[in-house]
Amino acid sequence: MERKPVIAVIGGSNTASPEAVQLAEEVGFLIARADAVLVCGGLNGVMEASCKGAKRGGGLTIGILPGSDARDANPHVDVPIVTAISTARNAIVVRSGDAIIAIDGSYGTLTEMAYAFDLKKKVFGLKSWELEKIGVPGDLYVAVKTPREAVDRAIEEAKRRAR
């Protein structure tokens, strides 16, 4: 049996704008409708909104938590994984995804992108850091315009990596 694609969603937590939250919820919904699994950092902001959307779409959500208490997960996380390693858990989030969608975000999101680039995993940026402007290669970072484009491209990338 072929396993489902796992899409990591990264982005702002306390800093997430209302627009980012709306985009994240739509991304989560579309990931679920594509029969993929959503993995994220499990907390608030973009993480919570994407999980909420995935649940609305009937999907499965995994939250890789920075602390040691599963109750810290947002209410839309199906599988909370406690790590007790603080922001070092960002590496686990990125390693767990077959492809990564970045929405908005601050320095934590930027570190997750750097982990992805080091692993040669493609990041699809939706209203996120404009890394293409500073020379990050197109085989690692692709700016996308809509949630649909982000998810379609991430699913395509996940399937390509699975071959």
N, C-alpha and C. Protein backbone atom coordinates (compact mmCIF):
# COMPACT_ATOMS: atom_id res chain seq x y z
N MET A 1 0.84 -1.18 0.00
CA MET A 1 0.00 0.00 0.00
C MET A 1 0.89 1.24 0.00
N GLU A 2 0.55 2.16 -0.85
CA GLU A 2 1.29 3.42 -0.95
C GLU A 2 0.92 4.32 0.22
N ARG A 3 1.92 4.93 0.85
CA ARG A 3 1.63 5.81 1.97
C ARG A 3 1.17 7.18 1.48
N LYS A 4 0.46 7.86 2.33
CA LYS A 4 -0.04 9.19 2.00
C LYS A 4 1.10 10.20 2.03
N PRO A 5 1.05 11.21 1.16
CA PRO A 5 2.04 12.28 1.24
C PRO A 5 1.89 13.03 2.57
N VAL A 6 3.00 13.48 3.11
CA VAL A 6 3.00 14.29 4.33
C VAL A 6 3.49 15.68 3.95
N ILE A 7 2.65 16.67 4.20
CA ILE A 7 2.98 18.05 3.88
C ILE A 7 3.19 18.82 5.18
N ALA A 8 4.37 19.41 5.32
CA ALA A 8 4.67 20.24 6.48
C ALA A 8 4.21 21.67 6.20
N VAL A 9 3.46 22.23 7.13
CA VAL A 9 3.04 23.63 7.04
C VAL A 9 3.77 24.39 8.13
N ILE A 10 4.50 25.42 7.72
CA ILE A 10 5.26 26.23 8.66
C ILE A 10 4.82 27.68 8.51
N GLY A 11 4.96 28.46 9.57
CA GLY A 11 4.57 29.87 9.50
C GLY A 11 4.45 30.48 10.86
N GLY A 12 4.02 31.71 10.86
CA GLY A 12 3.96 32.50 12.09
C GLY A 12 3.03 31.93 13.14
N SER A 13 3.41 32.11 14.38
CA SER A 13 2.56 31.71 15.50
C SER A 13 1.88 32.95 16.06
N ASN A 14 2.48 33.56 17.05
CA ASN A 14 1.88 34.76 17.65
C ASN A 14 1.86 35.94 16.70
N THR A 15 2.70 35.91 15.68
CA THR A 15 2.82 37.03 14.74
C THR A 15 1.93 36.87 13.51
N ALA A 16 1.20 35.79 13.39
CA ALA A 16 0.43 35.53 12.17
C ALA A 16 -0.65 36.59 11.96
N SER A 17 -0.67 37.14 10.76
CA SER A 17 -1.68 38.14 10.42
C SER A 17 -3.02 37.46 10.15
N PRO A 18 -4.11 38.21 10.19
CA PRO A 18 -5.41 37.62 9.85
C PRO A 18 -5.41 37.01 8.44
N GLU A 19 -4.71 37.65 7.50
CA GLU A 19 -4.63 37.10 6.15
C GLU A 19 -3.90 35.76 6.16
N ALA A 20 -2.80 35.68 6.91
CA ALA A 20 -2.04 34.43 6.98
C ALA A 20 -2.88 33.31 7.59
N VAL A 21 -3.65 33.63 8.61
CA VAL A 21 -4.51 32.65 9.26
C VAL A 21 -5.54 32.12 8.26
N GLN A 22 -6.13 33.01 7.49
CA GLN A 22 -7.12 32.61 6.49
C GLN A 22 -6.47 31.73 5.42
N LEU A 23 -5.30 32.13 4.93
CA LEU A 23 -4.60 31.33 3.93
C LEU A 23 -4.25 29.95 4.47
N ALA A 24 -3.78 29.92 5.72
CA ALA A 24 -3.39 28.65 6.34
C ALA A 24 -4.57 27.69 6.48
N GLU A 25 -5.71 28.23 6.85
CA GLU A 25 -6.89 27.36 6.99
C GLU A 25 -7.26 26.75 5.64
N GLU A 26 -7.18 27.55 4.58
CA GLU A 26 -7.49 27.03 3.25
C GLU A 26 -6.44 25.99 2.82
N VAL A 27 -5.18 26.25 3.10
CA VAL A 27 -4.12 25.29 2.78
C VAL A 27 -4.38 23.96 3.49
N GLY A 28 -4.70 24.02 4.77
CA GLY A 28 -4.98 22.80 5.52
C GLY A 28 -6.15 22.02 4.94
N PHE A 29 -7.20 22.74 4.58
CA PHE A 29 -8.38 22.10 3.98
C PHE A 29 -7.99 21.38 2.69
N LEU A 30 -7.22 22.06 1.85
CA LEU A 30 -6.83 21.48 0.56
C LEU A 30 -5.88 20.29 0.73
N ILE A 31 -5.02 20.35 1.72
CA ILE A 31 -4.14 19.20 2.01
C ILE A 31 -4.99 17.98 2.36
N ALA A 32 -5.98 18.18 3.20
CA ALA A 32 -6.87 17.07 3.59
C ALA A 32 -7.63 16.53 2.40
N ARG A 33 -8.15 17.42 1.57
CA ARG A 33 -8.94 17.00 0.41
C ARG A 33 -8.08 16.26 -0.61
N ALA A 34 -6.76 16.50 -0.57
CA ALA A 34 -5.83 15.79 -1.45
C ALA A 34 -5.40 14.45 -0.85
N ASP A 35 -6.02 14.08 0.26
CA ASP A 35 -5.72 12.82 0.96
C ASP A 35 -4.26 12.75 1.42
N ALA A 36 -3.77 13.89 1.88
CA ALA A 36 -2.42 13.96 2.44
C ALA A 36 -2.52 14.23 3.94
N VAL A 37 -1.42 14.04 4.63
CA VAL A 37 -1.33 14.27 6.07
C VAL A 37 -0.63 15.60 6.30
N LEU A 38 -1.13 16.39 7.24
CA LEU A 38 -0.53 17.67 7.58
C LEU A 38 0.30 17.52 8.85
N VAL A 39 1.54 17.97 8.79
CA VAL A 39 2.39 18.02 9.98
C VAL A 39 2.82 19.47 10.19
N CYS A 40 2.86 19.88 11.45
CA CYS A 40 3.24 21.25 11.78
C CYS A 40 3.81 21.27 13.19
N GLY A 41 4.08 22.47 13.67
CA GLY A 41 4.62 22.63 15.02
C GLY A 41 3.59 22.51 16.12
N GLY A 42 2.30 22.37 15.75
CA GLY A 42 1.26 22.03 16.71
C GLY A 42 0.73 23.12 17.61
N LEU A 43 1.21 24.35 17.46
CA LEU A 43 0.77 25.41 18.38
C LEU A 43 -0.26 26.31 17.71
N ASN A 44 -0.13 27.63 17.85
CA ASN A 44 -1.17 28.55 17.39
C ASN A 44 -0.80 29.21 16.06
N GLY A 45 -1.56 30.24 15.69
CA GLY A 45 -1.29 30.98 14.46
C GLY A 45 -1.51 30.14 13.22
N VAL A 46 -0.53 30.17 12.32
CA VAL A 46 -0.60 29.41 11.07
C VAL A 46 -0.76 27.92 11.36
N MET A 47 -0.10 27.43 12.39
CA MET A 47 -0.18 26.00 12.73
C MET A 47 -1.61 25.61 13.09
N GLU A 48 -2.23 26.38 13.96
CA GLU A 48 -3.60 26.07 14.38
C GLU A 48 -4.58 26.22 13.23
N ALA A 49 -4.43 27.29 12.45
CA ALA A 49 -5.35 27.52 11.34
C ALA A 49 -5.25 26.41 10.30
N SER A 50 -4.03 25.97 9.99
CA SER A 50 -3.90 24.91 8.99
C SER A 50 -4.49 23.60 9.50
N CYS A 51 -4.29 23.32 10.79
CA CYS A 51 -4.90 22.11 11.38
C CYS A 51 -6.42 22.20 11.37
N LYS A 52 -6.94 23.37 11.67
CA LYS A 52 -8.40 23.58 11.66
C LYS A 52 -8.96 23.30 10.26
N GLY A 53 -8.29 23.83 9.24
CA GLY A 53 -8.72 23.58 7.87
C GLY A 53 -8.65 22.11 7.50
N ALA A 54 -7.57 21.46 7.91
CA ALA A 54 -7.42 20.03 7.60
C ALA A 54 -8.53 19.21 8.25
N LYS A 55 -8.87 19.54 9.48
CA LYS A 55 -9.95 18.81 10.15
C LYS A 55 -11.28 19.06 9.44
N ARG A 56 -11.51 20.29 9.00
CA ARG A 56 -12.73 20.61 8.26
C ARG A 56 -12.80 19.79 6.97
N GLY A 57 -11.63 19.50 6.39
CA GLY A 57 -11.56 18.70 5.17
C GLY A 57 -11.50 17.20 5.41
N GLY A 58 -11.57 16.78 6.68
CA GLY A 58 -11.56 15.36 6.99
C GLY A 58 -10.18 14.74 7.07
N GLY A 59 -9.15 15.57 7.25
CA GLY A 59 -7.78 15.08 7.24
C GLY A 59 -7.20 14.74 8.59
N LEU A 60 -5.98 14.24 8.56
CA LEU A 60 -5.21 13.87 9.75
C LEU A 60 -4.14 14.92 9.98
N THR A 61 -3.98 15.34 11.26
CA THR A 61 -3.00 16.35 11.61
C THR A 61 -2.04 15.83 12.67
N ILE A 62 -0.77 16.18 12.50
CA ILE A 62 0.28 15.82 13.46
C ILE A 62 0.94 17.10 13.92
N GLY A 63 1.10 17.25 15.23
CA GLY A 63 1.77 18.42 15.79
C GLY A 63 3.04 18.01 16.50
N ILE A 64 4.17 18.53 16.05
CA ILE A 64 5.47 18.27 16.68
C ILE A 64 5.70 19.40 17.68
N LEU A 65 5.48 19.13 18.94
CA LEU A 65 5.46 20.17 19.97
C LEU A 65 6.84 20.45 20.55
N PRO A 66 7.09 21.71 20.90
CA PRO A 66 8.39 22.07 21.46
C PRO A 66 8.56 21.64 22.91
N GLY A 67 7.46 21.44 23.61
CA GLY A 67 7.50 21.14 25.04
C GLY A 67 7.27 19.68 25.36
N SER A 68 6.92 19.44 26.62
CA SER A 68 6.76 18.05 27.07
C SER A 68 5.33 17.73 27.49
N ASP A 69 4.38 18.58 27.11
CA ASP A 69 2.99 18.37 27.50
C ASP A 69 2.10 18.37 26.26
N ALA A 70 1.49 17.24 25.97
CA ALA A 70 0.63 17.11 24.80
C ALA A 70 -0.56 18.06 24.86
N ARG A 71 -0.93 18.50 26.06
CA ARG A 71 -2.07 19.42 26.19
C ARG A 71 -1.76 20.80 25.63
N ASP A 72 -0.51 21.08 25.32
CA ASP A 72 -0.14 22.36 24.71
C ASP A 72 -0.53 22.44 23.25
N ALA A 73 -0.84 21.31 22.64
CA ALA A 73 -1.21 21.29 21.22
C ALA A 73 -2.50 22.07 21.00
N ASN A 74 -2.61 22.64 19.81
CA ASN A 74 -3.87 23.31 19.48
C ASN A 74 -4.98 22.25 19.40
N PRO A 75 -6.24 22.67 19.52
CA PRO A 75 -7.33 21.69 19.61
C PRO A 75 -7.60 20.90 18.33
N HIS A 76 -6.91 21.24 17.24
CA HIS A 76 -7.15 20.55 15.97
C HIS A 76 -6.05 19.54 15.63
N VAL A 77 -5.13 19.31 16.56
CA VAL A 77 -4.07 18.32 16.35
C VAL A 77 -4.58 16.94 16.75
N ASP A 78 -4.51 15.99 15.82
CA ASP A 78 -4.91 14.61 16.11
C ASP A 78 -3.82 13.86 16.86
N VAL A 79 -2.60 14.04 16.42
CA VAL A 79 -1.47 13.29 16.98
C VAL A 79 -0.44 14.29 17.50
N PRO A 80 -0.48 14.59 18.80
CA PRO A 80 0.55 15.47 19.36
C PRO A 80 1.80 14.67 19.70
N ILE A 81 2.93 15.13 19.24
CA ILE A 81 4.20 14.47 19.55
C ILE A 81 5.03 15.45 20.37
N VAL A 82 5.25 15.10 21.62
CA VAL A 82 6.03 15.98 22.51
C VAL A 82 7.51 15.69 22.31
N THR A 83 8.31 16.77 22.35
CA THR A 83 9.74 16.61 22.11
C THR A 83 10.60 17.14 23.26
N ALA A 84 10.11 18.14 23.98
CA ALA A 84 10.88 18.79 25.04
C ALA A 84 12.23 19.31 24.55
N ILE A 85 12.28 19.72 23.27
CA ILE A 85 13.53 20.25 22.72
C ILE A 85 13.38 21.66 22.16
N SER A 86 12.33 22.36 22.57
CA SER A 86 12.10 23.75 22.19
C SER A 86 12.12 23.90 20.67
N THR A 87 12.76 24.95 20.18
CA THR A 87 12.73 25.23 18.75
C THR A 87 13.55 24.24 17.92
N ALA A 88 14.33 23.41 18.56
CA ALA A 88 15.05 22.37 17.81
C ALA A 88 14.05 21.43 17.14
N ARG A 89 12.82 21.43 17.61
CA ARG A 89 11.79 20.58 17.00
C ARG A 89 11.50 21.02 15.58
N ASN A 90 11.90 22.25 15.20
CA ASN A 90 11.70 22.73 13.84
C ASN A 90 12.33 21.78 12.82
N ALA A 91 13.47 21.21 13.18
CA ALA A 91 14.14 20.27 12.28
C ALA A 91 13.29 19.01 12.08
N ILE A 92 12.60 18.58 13.12
CA ILE A 92 11.75 17.39 13.02
C ILE A 92 10.54 17.68 12.14
N VAL A 93 9.95 18.86 12.29
CA VAL A 93 8.81 19.23 11.45
C VAL A 93 9.21 19.14 9.98
N VAL A 94 10.34 19.74 9.64
CA VAL A 94 10.78 19.77 8.24
C VAL A 94 11.18 18.39 7.75
N ARG A 95 11.87 17.62 8.57
CA ARG A 95 12.25 16.26 8.16
C ARG A 95 11.03 15.38 7.93
N SER A 96 9.95 15.64 8.66
CA SER A 96 8.74 14.82 8.56
C SER A 96 7.95 15.08 7.29
N GLY A 97 8.10 16.25 6.70
CA GLY A 97 7.34 16.59 5.51
C GLY A 97 8.02 16.14 4.23
N ASP A 98 7.23 15.65 3.29
CA ASP A 98 7.75 15.34 1.96
C ASP A 98 7.95 16.61 1.16
N ALA A 99 7.18 17.62 1.48
CA ALA A 99 7.30 18.96 0.90
C ALA A 99 6.84 19.92 1.98
N ILE A 100 7.24 21.18 1.83
CA ILE A 100 6.97 22.18 2.87
C ILE A 100 6.25 23.37 2.26
N ILE A 101 5.21 23.83 2.96
CA ILE A 101 4.52 25.07 2.59
C ILE A 101 4.76 26.07 3.71
N ALA A 102 5.35 27.21 3.35
CA ALA A 102 5.59 28.29 4.31
C ALA A 102 4.57 29.39 4.09
N ILE A 103 3.90 29.80 5.16
CA ILE A 103 2.91 30.86 5.09
C ILE A 103 3.31 31.94 6.08
N ASP A 104 3.56 33.14 5.54
CA ASP A 104 3.90 34.27 6.42
C ASP A 104 5.15 33.87 7.20
N GLY A 105 5.24 34.22 8.45
CA GLY A 105 6.30 33.73 9.31
C GLY A 105 7.39 34.72 9.63
N SER A 106 8.10 34.42 10.69
CA SER A 106 9.19 35.24 11.17
C SER A 106 10.47 34.40 11.17
N TYR A 107 11.34 34.64 12.14
CA TYR A 107 12.63 33.96 12.13
C TYR A 107 12.55 32.46 12.36
N GLY A 108 11.57 32.00 13.12
CA GLY A 108 11.40 30.56 13.30
C GLY A 108 11.09 29.88 11.98
N THR A 109 10.23 30.52 11.19
CA THR A 109 9.90 30.01 9.86
C THR A 109 11.14 30.00 8.97
N LEU A 110 11.92 31.06 9.07
CA LEU A 110 13.15 31.14 8.28
C LEU A 110 14.12 30.01 8.64
N THR A 111 14.22 29.68 9.91
CA THR A 111 15.11 28.57 10.29
C THR A 111 14.59 27.24 9.74
N GLU A 112 13.27 27.08 9.75
CA GLU A 112 12.70 25.85 9.18
C GLU A 112 13.00 25.76 7.69
N MET A 113 12.92 26.90 7.00
CA MET A 113 13.26 26.90 5.57
C MET A 113 14.72 26.52 5.37
N ALA A 114 15.60 27.05 6.20
CA ALA A 114 17.03 26.73 6.08
C ALA A 114 17.26 25.23 6.28
N TYR A 115 16.58 24.64 7.26
CA TYR A 115 16.68 23.18 7.45
C TYR A 115 16.23 22.46 6.17
N ALA A 116 15.12 22.91 5.60
CA ALA A 116 14.60 22.27 4.39
C ALA A 116 15.61 22.37 3.25
N PHE A 117 16.20 23.55 3.06
CA PHE A 117 17.17 23.72 1.98
C PHE A 117 18.37 22.79 2.18
N ASP A 118 18.82 22.67 3.42
CA ASP A 118 19.95 21.80 3.73
C ASP A 118 19.63 20.34 3.39
N LEU A 119 18.36 19.97 3.55
CA LEU A 119 17.91 18.61 3.25
C LEU A 119 17.51 18.43 1.79
N LYS A 120 17.65 19.51 1.00
CA LYS A 120 17.25 19.51 -0.42
C LYS A 120 15.75 19.26 -0.58
N LYS A 121 14.97 19.79 0.38
CA LYS A 121 13.52 19.70 0.29
C LYS A 121 12.98 21.04 -0.20
N LYS A 122 12.02 20.96 -1.09
CA LYS A 122 11.47 22.16 -1.70
C LYS A 122 10.47 22.83 -0.76
N VAL A 123 10.56 24.16 -0.71
CA VAL A 123 9.64 24.97 0.09
C VAL A 123 8.80 25.81 -0.88
N PHE A 124 7.49 25.80 -0.66
CA PHE A 124 6.57 26.63 -1.44
C PHE A 124 6.12 27.76 -0.53
N GLY A 125 6.52 28.98 -0.86
CA GLY A 125 6.25 30.14 -0.01
C GLY A 125 5.01 30.90 -0.43
N LEU A 126 4.07 31.03 0.49
CA LEU A 126 2.82 31.74 0.26
C LEU A 126 2.80 32.96 1.17
N LYS A 127 3.01 34.13 0.59
CA LYS A 127 3.08 35.38 1.38
C LYS A 127 4.13 35.25 2.48
N SER A 128 5.24 34.64 2.13
CA SER A 128 6.29 34.38 3.10
C SER A 128 7.55 35.14 2.72
N TRP A 129 8.67 34.73 3.24
CA TRP A 129 9.94 35.36 2.94
C TRP A 129 10.18 35.33 1.43
N GLU A 130 10.68 36.41 0.88
CA GLU A 130 10.91 36.51 -0.56
C GLU A 130 12.34 36.06 -0.88
N LEU A 131 12.59 34.81 -0.64
CA LEU A 131 13.95 34.28 -0.73
C LEU A 131 14.47 34.18 -2.15
N GLU A 132 13.57 34.12 -3.11
CA GLU A 132 14.01 34.09 -4.50
C GLU A 132 14.75 35.38 -4.86
N LYS A 133 14.45 36.47 -4.15
CA LYS A 133 15.08 37.76 -4.43
C LYS A 133 16.52 37.83 -3.94
N ILE A 134 16.91 36.91 -3.06
CA ILE A 134 18.28 36.92 -2.56
C ILE A 134 19.08 35.73 -3.08
N GLY A 135 18.53 35.07 -4.08
CA GLY A 135 19.30 34.05 -4.76
C GLY A 135 19.12 32.61 -4.31
N VAL A 136 18.11 32.33 -3.48
CA VAL A 136 17.85 30.93 -3.15
C VAL A 136 17.37 30.25 -4.44
N PRO A 137 17.99 29.15 -4.82
CA PRO A 137 17.67 28.52 -6.10
C PRO A 137 16.22 28.07 -6.21
N GLY A 138 15.71 28.12 -7.43
CA GLY A 138 14.33 27.75 -7.70
C GLY A 138 14.04 26.28 -7.49
N ASP A 139 15.08 25.44 -7.42
CA ASP A 139 14.81 24.03 -7.13
C ASP A 139 14.62 23.81 -5.63
N LEU A 140 14.82 24.87 -4.83
CA LEU A 140 14.60 24.77 -3.38
C LEU A 140 13.47 25.65 -2.88
N TYR A 141 13.25 26.80 -3.52
CA TYR A 141 12.23 27.73 -3.04
C TYR A 141 11.40 28.23 -4.21
N VAL A 142 10.08 28.11 -4.08
CA VAL A 142 9.16 28.58 -5.11
C VAL A 142 8.10 29.45 -4.45
N ALA A 143 8.03 30.70 -4.86
CA ALA A 143 6.97 31.58 -4.37
C ALA A 143 5.68 31.22 -5.11
N VAL A 144 4.60 31.04 -4.36
CA VAL A 144 3.31 30.71 -4.96
C VAL A 144 2.31 31.79 -4.58
N LYS A 145 1.23 31.88 -5.34
CA LYS A 145 0.29 32.98 -5.16
C LYS A 145 -0.99 32.61 -4.42
N THR A 146 -1.36 31.33 -4.45
CA THR A 146 -2.64 30.93 -3.86
C THR A 146 -2.48 29.65 -3.03
N PRO A 147 -3.41 29.42 -2.11
CA PRO A 147 -3.39 28.14 -1.39
C PRO A 147 -3.47 26.94 -2.33
N ARG A 148 -4.29 27.03 -3.36
CA ARG A 148 -4.44 25.92 -4.32
C ARG A 148 -3.10 25.62 -5.00
N GLU A 149 -2.42 26.66 -5.46
CA GLU A 149 -1.12 26.45 -6.11
C GLU A 149 -0.12 25.84 -5.12
N ALA A 150 -0.12 26.34 -3.89
CA ALA A 150 0.81 25.82 -2.87
C ALA A 150 0.59 24.33 -2.66
N VAL A 151 -0.65 23.94 -2.47
CA VAL A 151 -0.95 22.53 -2.17
C VAL A 151 -0.73 21.65 -3.39
N ASP A 152 -1.19 22.09 -4.55
CA ASP A 152 -1.00 21.28 -5.76
C ASP A 152 0.49 21.02 -6.01
N ARG A 153 1.29 22.06 -5.87
CA ARG A 153 2.73 21.92 -6.13
C ARG A 153 3.40 21.07 -5.05
N ALA A 154 2.97 21.24 -3.80
CA ALA A 154 3.55 20.45 -2.71
C ALA A 154 3.21 18.97 -2.86
N ILE A 155 1.98 18.66 -3.24
CA ILE A 155 1.58 17.27 -3.45
C ILE A 155 2.38 16.67 -4.61
N GLU A 156 2.51 17.42 -5.67
CA GLU A 156 3.30 16.98 -6.82
C GLU A 156 4.75 16.70 -6.40
N GLU A 157 5.33 17.59 -5.60
CA GLU A 157 6.70 17.41 -5.12
C GLU A 157 6.80 16.19 -4.21
N ALA A 158 5.83 16.01 -3.33
CA ALA A 158 5.84 14.86 -2.42
C ALA A 158 5.80 13.55 -3.22
N LYS A 159 4.98 13.50 -4.23
CA LYS A 159 4.89 12.30 -5.06
C LYS A 159 6.18 12.07 -5.84
N ARG A 160 6.79 13.15 -6.32
CA ARG A 160 8.06 13.04 -7.04
C ARG A 160 9.14 12.47 -6.12
N ARG A 161 9.18 12.94 -4.89
CA ARG A 161 10.20 12.47 -3.93
C ARG A 161 9.97 11.01 -3.55
N ALA A 162 8.72 10.54 -3.62
CA ALA A 162 8.40 9.17 -3.22
C ALA A 162 8.82 8.14 -4.27
N ARG A 163 9.06 8.60 -5.49
CA ARG A 163 9.43 7.67 -6.57
C ARG A 163 10.82 7.12 -6.40
